[in-house]
Amino acid sequence: MVRVLKPGGIFLFQYNGTKRPTMNWKGRLAWGAVDALWALDLRCASQAAARLLGFDPDTAGKSWRGASLRAGKVVETLRAVGGSAVQITGDQTAMAWCRGKKAAKVAP
């Protein structure tokens, strides 16, 4: 997202900052089966399994579903790509938010 911003542009995104899984063991097991089929390049079977389990088949093979990030890693990654975190709220919760901006263009 930083790449597509104009110099000085701002961004806001939500991420999971908790250390705990965001779904119970049943959800992790069900999504694990769907994702295993996807990883085996059985995409139609993966989407069919998702549909059968009552999940949105378009989310099969996606990695988010609660992937946990640490605020320090978010800040470090933003710096590495020319951005900065101005504010992080909800750290260590499943609804953490990062507000930041892309570095202003440096005059030659």
PDB file of N, CA and C in Angstrom:
ATOM      1  N   MET A   1       0.817  -1.187   0.000  1.00  0.00           N
ATOM      2  CA  MET A   1       0.000   0.000   0.000  1.00  0.00           C
ATOM      3  C   MET A   1       0.856   1.244   0.000  1.00  0.00           C
ATOM      4  N   VAL A   2       2.011   1.194   0.633  1.00  0.00           N
ATOM      5  CA  VAL A   2       2.878   2.376   0.659  1.00  0.00           C
ATOM      6  C   VAL A   2       3.377   2.687  -0.747  1.00  0.00           C
ATOM      7  N   ARG A   3       3.644   1.670  -1.527  1.00  0.00           N
ATOM      8  CA  ARG A   3       4.164   1.854  -2.878  1.00  0.00           C
ATOM      9  C   ARG A   3       3.240   2.711  -3.743  1.00  0.00           C
ATOM     10  N   VAL A   4       1.942   2.570  -3.599  1.00  0.00           N
ATOM     11  CA  VAL A   4       1.002   3.274  -4.476  1.00  0.00           C
ATOM     12  C   VAL A   4       0.597   4.655  -3.967  1.00  0.00           C
ATOM     13  N   LEU A   5       1.023   5.008  -2.779  1.00  0.00           N
ATOM     14  CA  LEU A   5       0.705   6.343  -2.244  1.00  0.00           C
ATOM     15  C   LEU A   5       1.618   7.407  -2.827  1.00  0.00           C
ATOM     16  N   LYS A   6       1.095   8.624  -2.926  1.00  0.00           N
ATOM     17  CA  LYS A   6       1.931   9.764  -3.283  1.00  0.00           C
ATOM     18  C   LYS A   6       2.822  10.067  -2.088  1.00  0.00           C
ATOM     19  N   PRO A   7       3.985  10.712  -2.309  1.00  0.00           N
ATOM     20  CA  PRO A   7       4.816  11.115  -1.177  1.00  0.00           C
ATOM     21  C   PRO A   7       3.995  11.956  -0.186  1.00  0.00           C
ATOM     22  N   GLY A   8       4.072  11.609   1.069  1.00  0.00           N
ATOM     23  CA  GLY A   8       3.294  12.294   2.102  1.00  0.00           C
ATOM     24  C   GLY A   8       1.876  11.749   2.254  1.00  0.00           C
ATOM     25  N   GLY A   9       1.483  10.774   1.401  1.00  0.00           N
ATOM     26  CA  GLY A   9       0.143  10.188   1.475  1.00  0.00           C
ATOM     27  C   GLY A   9      -0.063   9.418   2.772  1.00  0.00           C
ATOM     28  N   ILE A  10      -1.318   9.310   3.191  1.00  0.00           N
ATOM     29  CA  ILE A  10      -1.627   8.639   4.455  1.00  0.00           C
ATOM     30  C   ILE A  10      -2.364   7.312   4.209  1.00  0.00           C
ATOM     31  N   PHE A  11      -2.301   6.433   5.193  1.00  0.00           N
ATOM     32  CA  PHE A  11      -2.986   5.146   5.113  1.00  0.00           C
ATOM     33  C   PHE A  11      -3.518   4.754   6.482  1.00  0.00           C
ATOM     34  N   LEU A  12      -4.434   3.828   6.461  1.00  0.00           N
ATOM     35  CA  LEU A  12      -5.015   3.262   7.678  1.00  0.00           C
ATOM     36  C   LEU A  12      -5.337   1.808   7.373  1.00  0.00           C
ATOM     37  N   PHE A  13      -4.907   0.895   8.229  1.00  0.00           N
ATOM     38  CA  PHE A  13      -5.282  -0.496   8.048  1.00  0.00           C
ATOM     39  C   PHE A  13      -5.466  -1.181   9.395  1.00  0.00           C
ATOM     40  N   GLN A  14      -6.258  -2.219   9.362  1.00  0.00           N
ATOM     41  CA  GLN A  14      -6.571  -3.007  10.562  1.00  0.00           C
ATOM     42  C   GLN A  14      -5.844  -4.333  10.451  1.00  0.00           C
ATOM     43  N   TYR A  15      -5.359  -4.825  11.580  1.00  0.00           N
ATOM     44  CA  TYR A  15      -4.687  -6.127  11.614  1.00  0.00           C
ATOM     45  C   TYR A  15      -4.929  -6.794  12.957  1.00  0.00           C
ATOM     46  N   ASN A  16      -4.621  -8.067  13.018  1.00  0.00           N
ATOM     47  CA  ASN A  16      -4.773  -8.835  14.249  1.00  0.00           C
ATOM     48  C   ASN A  16      -3.477  -8.731  15.047  1.00  0.00           C
ATOM     49  N   GLY A  17      -3.523  -8.084  16.188  1.00  0.00           N
ATOM     50  CA  GLY A  17      -2.341  -7.917  17.021  1.00  0.00           C
ATOM     51  C   GLY A  17      -2.314  -8.819  18.239  1.00  0.00           C
ATOM     52  N   THR A  18      -3.266  -9.720  18.347  1.00  0.00           N
ATOM     53  CA  THR A  18      -3.320 -10.587  19.519  1.00  0.00           C
ATOM     54  C   THR A  18      -2.401 -11.799  19.363  1.00  0.00           C
ATOM     55  N   LYS A  19      -1.992 -12.363  20.458  1.00  0.00           N
ATOM     56  CA  LYS A  19      -1.181 -13.581  20.428  1.00  0.00           C
ATOM     57  C   LYS A  19      -2.057 -14.821  20.370  1.00  0.00           C
ATOM     58  N   ARG A  20      -3.324 -14.668  20.697  1.00  0.00           N
ATOM     59  CA  ARG A  20      -4.245 -15.809  20.727  1.00  0.00           C
ATOM     60  C   ARG A  20      -4.874 -16.032  19.351  1.00  0.00           C
ATOM     61  N   PRO A  21      -5.175 -17.281  19.011  1.00  0.00           N
ATOM     62  CA  PRO A  21      -5.892 -17.534  17.755  1.00  0.00           C
ATOM     63  C   PRO A  21      -7.249 -16.834  17.784  1.00  0.00           C
ATOM     64  N   THR A  22      -7.716 -16.393  16.612  1.00  0.00           N
ATOM     65  CA  THR A  22      -8.978 -15.675  16.548  1.00  0.00           C
ATOM     66  C   THR A  22     -10.164 -16.596  16.267  1.00  0.00           C
ATOM     67  N   MET A  23      -9.915 -17.887  16.158  1.00  0.00           N
ATOM     68  CA  MET A  23     -11.038 -18.813  15.996  1.00  0.00           C
ATOM     69  C   MET A  23     -10.784 -20.048  16.848  1.00  0.00           C
ATOM     70  N   ASN A  24     -11.865 -20.747  17.160  1.00  0.00           N
ATOM     71  CA  ASN A  24     -11.733 -21.927  18.009  1.00  0.00           C
ATOM     72  C   ASN A  24     -11.137 -23.088  17.221  1.00  0.00           C
ATOM     73  N   TRP A  25     -10.917 -24.206  17.899  1.00  0.00           N
ATOM     74  CA  TRP A  25     -10.258 -25.343  17.265  1.00  0.00           C
ATOM     75  C   TRP A  25     -11.062 -25.898  16.091  1.00  0.00           C
ATOM     76  N   LYS A  26     -12.387 -25.803  16.171  1.00  0.00           N
ATOM     77  CA  LYS A  26     -13.221 -26.306  15.070  1.00  0.00           C
ATOM     78  C   LYS A  26     -13.004 -25.471  13.807  1.00  0.00           C
ATOM     79  N   GLY A  27     -12.964 -24.161  13.976  1.00  0.00           N
ATOM     80  CA  GLY A  27     -12.727 -23.276  12.841  1.00  0.00           C
ATOM     81  C   GLY A  27     -11.346 -23.480  12.255  1.00  0.00           C
ATOM     82  N   ARG A  28     -10.336 -23.613  13.134  1.00  0.00           N
ATOM     83  CA  ARG A  28      -8.979 -23.846  12.647  1.00  0.00           C
ATOM     84  C   ARG A  28      -8.877 -25.171  11.901  1.00  0.00           C
ATOM     85  N   LEU A  29      -9.567 -26.196  12.398  1.00  0.00           N
ATOM     86  CA  LEU A  29      -9.559 -27.509  11.740  1.00  0.00           C
ATOM     87  C   LEU A  29     -10.248 -27.435  10.373  1.00  0.00           C
ATOM     88  N   ALA A  30     -11.421 -26.795  10.334  1.00  0.00           N
ATOM     89  CA  ALA A  30     -12.174 -26.692   9.082  1.00  0.00           C
ATOM     90  C   ALA A  30     -11.399 -25.891   8.044  1.00  0.00           C
ATOM     91  N   TRP A  31     -10.885 -24.729   8.438  1.00  0.00           N
ATOM     92  CA  TRP A  31     -10.111 -23.923   7.495  1.00  0.00           C
ATOM     93  C   TRP A  31      -8.813 -24.620   7.125  1.00  0.00           C
ATOM     94  N   GLY A  32      -8.234 -25.381   8.041  1.00  0.00           N
ATOM     95  CA  GLY A  32      -7.023 -26.139   7.733  1.00  0.00           C
ATOM     96  C   GLY A  32      -7.264 -27.127   6.608  1.00  0.00           C
ATOM     97  N   ALA A  33      -8.432 -27.789   6.625  1.00  0.00           N
ATOM     98  CA  ALA A  33      -8.778 -28.741   5.561  1.00  0.00           C
ATOM     99  C   ALA A  33      -8.971 -28.008   4.234  1.00  0.00           C
ATOM    100  N   VAL A  34      -9.675 -26.895   4.264  1.00  0.00           N
ATOM    101  CA  VAL A  34      -9.896 -26.108   3.043  1.00  0.00           C
ATOM    102  C   VAL A  34      -8.553 -25.638   2.483  1.00  0.00           C
ATOM    103  N   ASP A  35      -7.696 -25.118   3.348  1.00  0.00           N
ATOM    104  CA  ASP A  35      -6.399 -24.600   2.902  1.00  0.00           C
ATOM    105  C   ASP A  35      -5.467 -25.712   2.430  1.00  0.00           C
ATOM    106  N   ALA A  36      -5.567 -26.900   3.033  1.00  0.00           N
ATOM    107  CA  ALA A  36      -4.732 -28.028   2.596  1.00  0.00           C
ATOM    108  C   ALA A  36      -5.075 -28.418   1.162  1.00  0.00           C
ATOM    109  N   LEU A  37      -6.349 -28.449   0.841  1.00  0.00           N
ATOM    110  CA  LEU A  37      -6.757 -28.747  -0.539  1.00  0.00           C
ATOM    111  C   LEU A  37      -6.225 -27.685  -1.492  1.00  0.00           C
ATOM    112  N   TRP A  38      -6.294 -26.428  -1.077  1.00  0.00           N
ATOM    113  CA  TRP A  38      -5.795 -25.328  -1.907  1.00  0.00           C
ATOM    114  C   TRP A  38      -4.286 -25.483  -2.134  1.00  0.00           C
ATOM    115  N   ALA A  39      -3.559 -25.818  -1.064  1.00  0.00           N
ATOM    116  CA  ALA A  39      -2.102 -25.971  -1.159  1.00  0.00           C
ATOM    117  C   ALA A  39      -1.717 -27.124  -2.087  1.00  0.00           C
ATOM    118  N   LEU A  40      -2.579 -28.123  -2.194  1.00  0.00           N
ATOM    119  CA  LEU A  40      -2.340 -29.249  -3.106  1.00  0.00           C
ATOM    120  C   LEU A  40      -2.764 -28.922  -4.538  1.00  0.00           C
ATOM    121  N   ASP A  41      -3.107 -27.661  -4.785  1.00  0.00           N
ATOM    122  CA  ASP A  41      -3.551 -27.161  -6.087  1.00  0.00           C
ATOM    123  C   ASP A  41      -4.885 -27.775  -6.511  1.00  0.00           C
ATOM    124  N   LEU A  42      -5.700 -28.141  -5.522  1.00  0.00           N
ATOM    125  CA  LEU A  42      -7.053 -28.659  -5.758  1.00  0.00           C
ATOM    126  C   LEU A  42      -8.032 -27.538  -5.441  1.00  0.00           C
ATOM    127  N   ARG A  43      -7.956 -26.480  -6.219  1.00  0.00           N
ATOM    128  CA  ARG A  43      -8.702 -25.257  -5.922  1.00  0.00           C
ATOM    129  C   ARG A  43     -10.205 -25.434  -5.980  1.00  0.00           C
ATOM    130  N   CYS A  44     -10.681 -26.168  -6.973  1.00  0.00           N
ATOM    131  CA  CYS A  44     -12.130 -26.398  -7.063  1.00  0.00           C
ATOM    132  C   CYS A  44     -12.616 -27.205  -5.859  1.00  0.00           C
ATOM    133  N   ALA A  45     -11.839 -28.215  -5.467  1.00  0.00           N
ATOM    134  CA  ALA A  45     -12.198 -29.023  -4.301  1.00  0.00           C
ATOM    135  C   ALA A  45     -12.148 -28.180  -3.033  1.00  0.00           C
ATOM    136  N   SER A  46     -11.167 -27.297  -2.945  1.00  0.00           N
ATOM    137  CA  SER A  46     -11.039 -26.415  -1.788  1.00  0.00           C
ATOM    138  C   SER A  46     -12.257 -25.504  -1.672  1.00  0.00           C
ATOM    139  N   GLN A  47     -12.657 -24.909  -2.795  1.00  0.00           N
ATOM    140  CA  GLN A  47     -13.820 -24.020  -2.777  1.00  0.00           C
ATOM    141  C   GLN A  47     -15.107 -24.797  -2.503  1.00  0.00           C
ATOM    142  N   ALA A  48     -15.194 -26.025  -3.018  1.00  0.00           N
ATOM    143  CA  ALA A  48     -16.373 -26.858  -2.748  1.00  0.00           C
ATOM    144  C   ALA A  48     -16.448 -27.212  -1.262  1.00  0.00           C
ATOM    145  N   ALA A  49     -15.301 -27.534  -0.667  1.00  0.00           N
ATOM    146  CA  ALA A  49     -15.266 -27.843   0.770  1.00  0.00           C
ATOM    147  C   ALA A  49     -15.674 -26.623   1.586  1.00  0.00           C
ATOM    148  N   ALA A  50     -15.180 -25.444   1.188  1.00  0.00           N
ATOM    149  CA  ALA A  50     -15.543 -24.211   1.889  1.00  0.00           C
ATOM    150  C   ALA A  50     -17.048 -23.998   1.820  1.00  0.00           C
ATOM    151  N   ARG A  51     -17.611 -24.166   0.636  1.00  0.00           N
ATOM    152  CA  ARG A  51     -19.056 -23.992   0.446  1.00  0.00           C
ATOM    153  C   ARG A  51     -19.827 -24.978   1.313  1.00  0.00           C
ATOM    154  N   LEU A  52     -19.381 -26.242   1.325  1.00  0.00           N
ATOM    155  CA  LEU A  52     -20.030 -27.289   2.119  1.00  0.00           C
ATOM    156  C   LEU A  52     -20.003 -26.962   3.618  1.00  0.00           C
ATOM    157  N   LEU A  53     -18.922 -26.342   4.058  1.00  0.00           N
ATOM    158  CA  LEU A  53     -18.775 -25.987   5.470  1.00  0.00           C
ATOM    159  C   LEU A  53     -19.470 -24.665   5.818  1.00  0.00           C
ATOM    160  N   GLY A  54     -20.060 -24.031   4.816  1.00  0.00           N
ATOM    161  CA  GLY A  54     -20.768 -22.768   5.063  1.00  0.00           C
ATOM    162  C   GLY A  54     -19.875 -21.547   5.010  1.00  0.00           C
ATOM    163  N   PHE A  55     -18.673 -21.695   4.440  1.00  0.00           N
ATOM    164  CA  PHE A  55     -17.740 -20.578   4.307  1.00  0.00           C
ATOM    165  C   PHE A  55     -17.882 -19.956   2.930  1.00  0.00           C
ATOM    166  N   ASP A  56     -17.399 -18.744   2.805  1.00  0.00           N
ATOM    167  CA  ASP A  56     -17.361 -18.082   1.508  1.00  0.00           C
ATOM    168  C   ASP A  56     -16.275 -18.750   0.673  1.00  0.00           C
ATOM    169  N   PRO A  57     -16.630 -19.399  -0.433  1.00  0.00           N
ATOM    170  CA  PRO A  57     -15.623 -20.110  -1.226  1.00  0.00           C
ATOM    171  C   PRO A  57     -14.560 -19.186  -1.827  1.00  0.00           C
ATOM    172  N   ASP A  58     -14.857 -17.904  -1.965  1.00  0.00           N
ATOM    173  CA  ASP A  58     -13.870 -16.967  -2.505  1.00  0.00           C
ATOM    174  C   ASP A  58     -12.728 -16.701  -1.532  1.00  0.00           C
ATOM    175  N   THR A  59     -12.891 -17.076  -0.273  1.00  0.00           N
ATOM    176  CA  THR A  59     -11.811 -16.864   0.698  1.00  0.00           C
ATOM    177  C   THR A  59     -10.899 -18.072   0.820  1.00  0.00           C
ATOM    178  N   ALA A  60     -11.207 -19.152   0.110  1.00  0.00           N
ATOM    179  CA  ALA A  60     -10.345 -20.336   0.127  1.00  0.00           C
ATOM    180  C   ALA A  60      -8.964 -19.960  -0.408  1.00  0.00           C
ATOM    181  N   GLY A  61      -7.936 -20.407   0.282  1.00  0.00           N
ATOM    182  CA  GLY A  61      -6.570 -20.125  -0.145  1.00  0.00           C
ATOM    183  C   GLY A  61      -6.032 -18.787   0.312  1.00  0.00           C
ATOM    184  N   LYS A  62      -6.827 -18.001   0.986  1.00  0.00           N
ATOM    185  CA  LYS A  62      -6.369 -16.703   1.486  1.00  0.00           C
ATOM    186  C   LYS A  62      -5.712 -16.923   2.847  1.00  0.00           C
ATOM    187  N   SER A  63      -4.761 -16.105   3.179  1.00  0.00           N
ATOM    188  CA  SER A  63      -3.993 -16.341   4.395  1.00  0.00           C
ATOM    189  C   SER A  63      -4.439 -15.543   5.602  1.00  0.00           C
ATOM    190  N   TRP A  64      -5.238 -14.489   5.416  1.00  0.00           N
ATOM    191  CA  TRP A  64      -5.487 -13.632   6.571  1.00  0.00           C
ATOM    192  C   TRP A  64      -6.186 -14.372   7.699  1.00  0.00           C
ATOM    193  N   ARG A  65      -7.453 -14.507   7.663  1.00  0.00           N
ATOM    194  CA  ARG A  65      -8.258 -15.186   8.674  1.00  0.00           C
ATOM    195  C   ARG A  65      -7.630 -15.182  10.067  1.00  0.00           C
ATOM    196  N   GLY A  66      -7.102 -14.064  10.457  1.00  0.00           N
ATOM    197  CA  GLY A  66      -6.603 -13.943  11.818  1.00  0.00           C
ATOM    198  C   GLY A  66      -5.109 -14.069  11.988  1.00  0.00           C
ATOM    199  N   ALA A  67      -4.346 -14.015  10.907  1.00  0.00           N
ATOM    200  CA  ALA A  67      -2.892 -14.079  11.039  1.00  0.00           C
ATOM    201  C   ALA A  67      -2.439 -12.968  11.979  1.00  0.00           C
ATOM    202  N   SER A  68      -1.623 -13.314  12.935  1.00  0.00           N
ATOM    203  CA  SER A  68      -1.219 -12.382  13.976  1.00  0.00           C
ATOM    204  C   SER A  68       0.046 -11.616  13.600  1.00  0.00           C
ATOM    205  N   LEU A  69       0.043 -10.320  13.872  1.00  0.00           N
ATOM    206  CA  LEU A  69       1.207  -9.468  13.655  1.00  0.00           C
ATOM    207  C   LEU A  69       1.543  -8.735  14.942  1.00  0.00           C
ATOM    208  N   ARG A  70       2.782  -8.484  15.170  1.00  0.00           N
ATOM    209  CA  ARG A  70       3.223  -7.684  16.312  1.00  0.00           C
ATOM    210  C   ARG A  70       3.401  -6.245  15.855  1.00  0.00           C
ATOM    211  N   ALA A  71       3.054  -5.297  16.700  1.00  0.00           N
ATOM    212  CA  ALA A  71       3.161  -3.872  16.367  1.00  0.00           C
ATOM    213  C   ALA A  71       4.587  -3.515  15.963  1.00  0.00           C
ATOM    214  N   GLY A  72       5.564  -4.054  16.640  1.00  0.00           N
ATOM    215  CA  GLY A  72       6.961  -3.776  16.299  1.00  0.00           C
ATOM    216  C   GLY A  72       7.309  -4.214  14.889  1.00  0.00           C
ATOM    217  N   LYS A  73       6.786  -5.348  14.472  1.00  0.00           N
ATOM    218  CA  LYS A  73       7.036  -5.853  13.123  1.00  0.00           C
ATOM    219  C   LYS A  73       6.342  -4.976  12.082  1.00  0.00           C
ATOM    220  N   VAL A  74       5.144  -4.488  12.402  1.00  0.00           N
ATOM    221  CA  VAL A  74       4.427  -3.583  11.503  1.00  0.00           C
ATOM    222  C   VAL A  74       5.249  -2.314  11.299  1.00  0.00           C
ATOM    223  N   VAL A  75       5.730  -1.721  12.387  1.00  0.00           N
ATOM    224  CA  VAL A  75       6.529  -0.490  12.325  1.00  0.00           C
ATOM    225  C   VAL A  75       7.814  -0.734  11.535  1.00  0.00           C
ATOM    226  N   GLU A  76       8.489  -1.832  11.811  1.00  0.00           N
ATOM    227  CA  GLU A  76       9.742  -2.178  11.122  1.00  0.00           C
ATOM    228  C   GLU A  76       9.524  -2.348   9.613  1.00  0.00           C
ATOM    229  N   THR A  77       8.458  -3.031   9.243  1.00  0.00           N
ATOM    230  CA  THR A  77       8.160  -3.257   7.825  1.00  0.00           C
ATOM    231  C   THR A  77       7.827  -1.943   7.124  1.00  0.00           C
ATOM    232  N   LEU A  78       7.047  -1.097   7.778  1.00  0.00           N
ATOM    233  CA  LEU A  78       6.714   0.201   7.175  1.00  0.00           C
ATOM    234  C   LEU A  78       7.962   1.041   6.937  1.00  0.00           C
ATOM    235  N   ARG A  79       8.862   1.073   7.901  1.00  0.00           N
ATOM    236  CA  ARG A  79      10.109   1.836   7.734  1.00  0.00           C
ATOM    237  C   ARG A  79      10.920   1.313   6.552  1.00  0.00           C
ATOM    238  N   ALA A  80      10.952  -0.008   6.407  1.00  0.00           N
ATOM    239  CA  ALA A  80      11.744  -0.629   5.340  1.00  0.00           C
ATOM    240  C   ALA A  80      11.236  -0.274   3.944  1.00  0.00           C
ATOM    241  N   VAL A  81       9.960   0.100   3.835  1.00  0.00           N
ATOM    242  CA  VAL A  81       9.388   0.411   2.517  1.00  0.00           C
ATOM    243  C   VAL A  81       9.092   1.897   2.338  1.00  0.00           C
ATOM    244  N   GLY A  82       9.639   2.738   3.214  1.00  0.00           N
ATOM    245  CA  GLY A  82       9.482   4.181   3.040  1.00  0.00           C
ATOM    246  C   GLY A  82       8.247   4.777   3.689  1.00  0.00           C
ATOM    247  N   GLY A  83       7.698   4.093   4.662  1.00  0.00           N
ATOM    248  CA  GLY A  83       6.535   4.613   5.374  1.00  0.00           C
ATOM    249  C   GLY A  83       6.839   4.749   6.849  1.00  0.00           C
ATOM    250  N   SER A  84       5.893   5.256   7.582  1.00  0.00           N
ATOM    251  CA  SER A  84       6.042   5.348   9.031  1.00  0.00           C
ATOM    252  C   SER A  84       4.680   5.208   9.692  1.00  0.00           C
ATOM    253  N   ALA A  85       4.692   4.601  10.859  1.00  0.00           N
ATOM    254  CA  ALA A  85       3.474   4.477  11.652  1.00  0.00           C
ATOM    255  C   ALA A  85       3.342   5.732  12.502  1.00  0.00           C
ATOM    256  N   VAL A  86       2.232   6.434  12.342  1.00  0.00           N
ATOM    257  CA  VAL A  86       1.983   7.639  13.133  1.00  0.00           C
ATOM    258  C   VAL A  86       1.298   7.252  14.439  1.00  0.00           C
ATOM    259  N   GLN A  87       0.396   6.266  14.353  1.00  0.00           N
ATOM    260  CA  GLN A  87      -0.340   5.835  15.542  1.00  0.00           C
ATOM    261  C   GLN A  87      -0.759   4.382  15.381  1.00  0.00           C
ATOM    262  N   ILE A  88      -0.602   3.613  16.449  1.00  0.00           N
ATOM    263  CA  ILE A  88      -1.114   2.243  16.500  1.00  0.00           C
ATOM    264  C   ILE A  88      -2.056   2.186  17.692  1.00  0.00           C
ATOM    265  N   THR A  89      -3.270   1.728  17.445  1.00  0.00           N
ATOM    266  CA  THR A  89      -4.251   1.584  18.525  1.00  0.00           C
ATOM    267  C   THR A  89      -4.703   0.134  18.586  1.00  0.00           C
ATOM    268  N   GLY A  90      -5.126  -0.293  19.753  1.00  0.00           N
ATOM    269  CA  GLY A  90      -5.624  -1.654  19.926  1.00  0.00           C
ATOM    270  C   GLY A  90      -4.530  -2.695  19.883  1.00  0.00           C
ATOM    271  N   ASP A  91      -3.287  -2.287  20.158  1.00  0.00           N
ATOM    272  CA  ASP A  91      -2.180  -3.236  20.142  1.00  0.00           C
ATOM    273  C   ASP A  91      -2.501  -4.426  21.053  1.00  0.00           C
ATOM    274  N   GLN A  92      -2.142  -5.589  20.626  1.00  0.00           N
ATOM    275  CA  GLN A  92      -2.379  -6.851  21.332  1.00  0.00           C
ATOM    276  C   GLN A  92      -3.859  -7.215  21.403  1.00  0.00           C
ATOM    277  N   THR A  93      -4.638  -6.718  20.438  1.00  0.00           N
ATOM    278  CA  THR A  93      -6.035  -7.125  20.294  1.00  0.00           C
ATOM    279  C   THR A  93      -6.243  -7.607  18.861  1.00  0.00           C
ATOM    280  N   ALA A  94      -7.347  -8.261  18.619  1.00  0.00           N
ATOM    281  CA  ALA A  94      -7.655  -8.734  17.267  1.00  0.00           C
ATOM    282  C   ALA A  94      -8.078  -7.599  16.338  1.00  0.00           C
ATOM    283  N   MET A  95      -8.282  -6.422  16.886  1.00  0.00           N
ATOM    284  CA  MET A  95      -8.703  -5.262  16.090  1.00  0.00           C
ATOM    285  C   MET A  95      -7.698  -4.119  16.219  1.00  0.00           C
ATOM    286  N   ALA A  96      -6.433  -4.410  15.992  1.00  0.00           N
ATOM    287  CA  ALA A  96      -5.406  -3.370  16.036  1.00  0.00           C
ATOM    288  C   ALA A  96      -5.472  -2.544  14.755  1.00  0.00           C
ATOM    289  N   TRP A  97      -5.159  -1.251  14.881  1.00  0.00           N
ATOM    290  CA  TRP A  97      -5.179  -0.341  13.738  1.00  0.00           C
ATOM    291  C   TRP A  97      -3.850   0.376  13.642  1.00  0.00           C
ATOM    292  N   CYS A  98      -3.404   0.599  12.425  1.00  0.00           N
ATOM    293  CA  CYS A  98      -2.191   1.372  12.180  1.00  0.00           C
ATOM    294  C   CYS A  98      -2.544   2.532  11.253  1.00  0.00           C
ATOM    295  N   ARG A  99      -2.208   3.721  11.696  1.00  0.00           N
ATOM    296  CA  ARG A  99      -2.357   4.918  10.876  1.00  0.00           C
ATOM    297  C   ARG A  99      -0.959   5.433  10.605  1.00  0.00           C
ATOM    298  N   GLY A 100      -0.685   5.765   9.355  1.00  0.00           N
ATOM    299  CA  GLY A 100       0.668   6.215   9.036  1.00  0.00           C
ATOM    300  C   GLY A 100       0.721   6.984   7.742  1.00  0.00           C
ATOM    301  N   LYS A 101       1.935   7.227   7.282  1.00  0.00           N
ATOM    302  CA  LYS A 101       2.097   7.982   6.046  1.00  0.00           C
ATOM    303  C   LYS A 101       3.372   7.547   5.315  1.00  0.00           C
ATOM    304  N   LYS A 102       3.357   7.844   4.030  1.00  0.00           N
ATOM    305  CA  LYS A 102       4.533   7.606   3.207  1.00  0.00           C
ATOM    306  C   LYS A 102       5.473   8.793   3.380  1.00  0.00           C
ATOM    307  N   ALA A 103       6.744   8.533   3.353  1.00  0.00           N
ATOM    308  CA  ALA A 103       7.730   9.613   3.509  1.00  0.00           C
ATOM    309  C   ALA A 103       7.535  10.642   2.403  1.00  0.00           C
ATOM    310  N   ALA A 104       7.730  11.900   2.756  1.00  0.00           N
ATOM    311  CA  ALA A 104       7.648  12.975   1.766  1.00  0.00           C
ATOM    312  C   ALA A 104       8.821  12.848   0.811  1.00  0.00           C
ATOM    313  N   LYS A 105       8.620  13.275  -0.413  1.00  0.00           N
ATOM    314  CA  LYS A 105       9.668  13.197  -1.423  1.00  0.00           C
ATOM    315  C   LYS A 105      10.807  14.130  -1.022  1.00  0.00           C
ATOM    316  N   VAL A 106      12.014  13.622  -1.084  1.00  0.00           N
ATOM    317  CA  VAL A 106      13.182  14.416  -0.722  1.00  0.00           C
ATOM    318  C   VAL A 106      13.635  15.220  -1.945  1.00  0.00           C
ATOM    319  N   ALA A 107      13.821  16.517  -1.733  1.00  0.00           N
ATOM    320  CA  ALA A 107      14.281  17.390  -2.830  1.00  0.00           C
ATOM    321  C   ALA A 107      15.724  17.057  -3.186  1.00  0.00           C
ATOM    322  N   PRO A 108      16.051  17.076  -4.505  1.00  0.00           N
ATOM    323  CA  PRO A 108      17.435  16.757  -4.931  1.00  0.00           C
ATOM    324  C   PRO A 108      18.428  17.821  -4.534  1.00  0.00           C
TER     325      PRO A 108
END
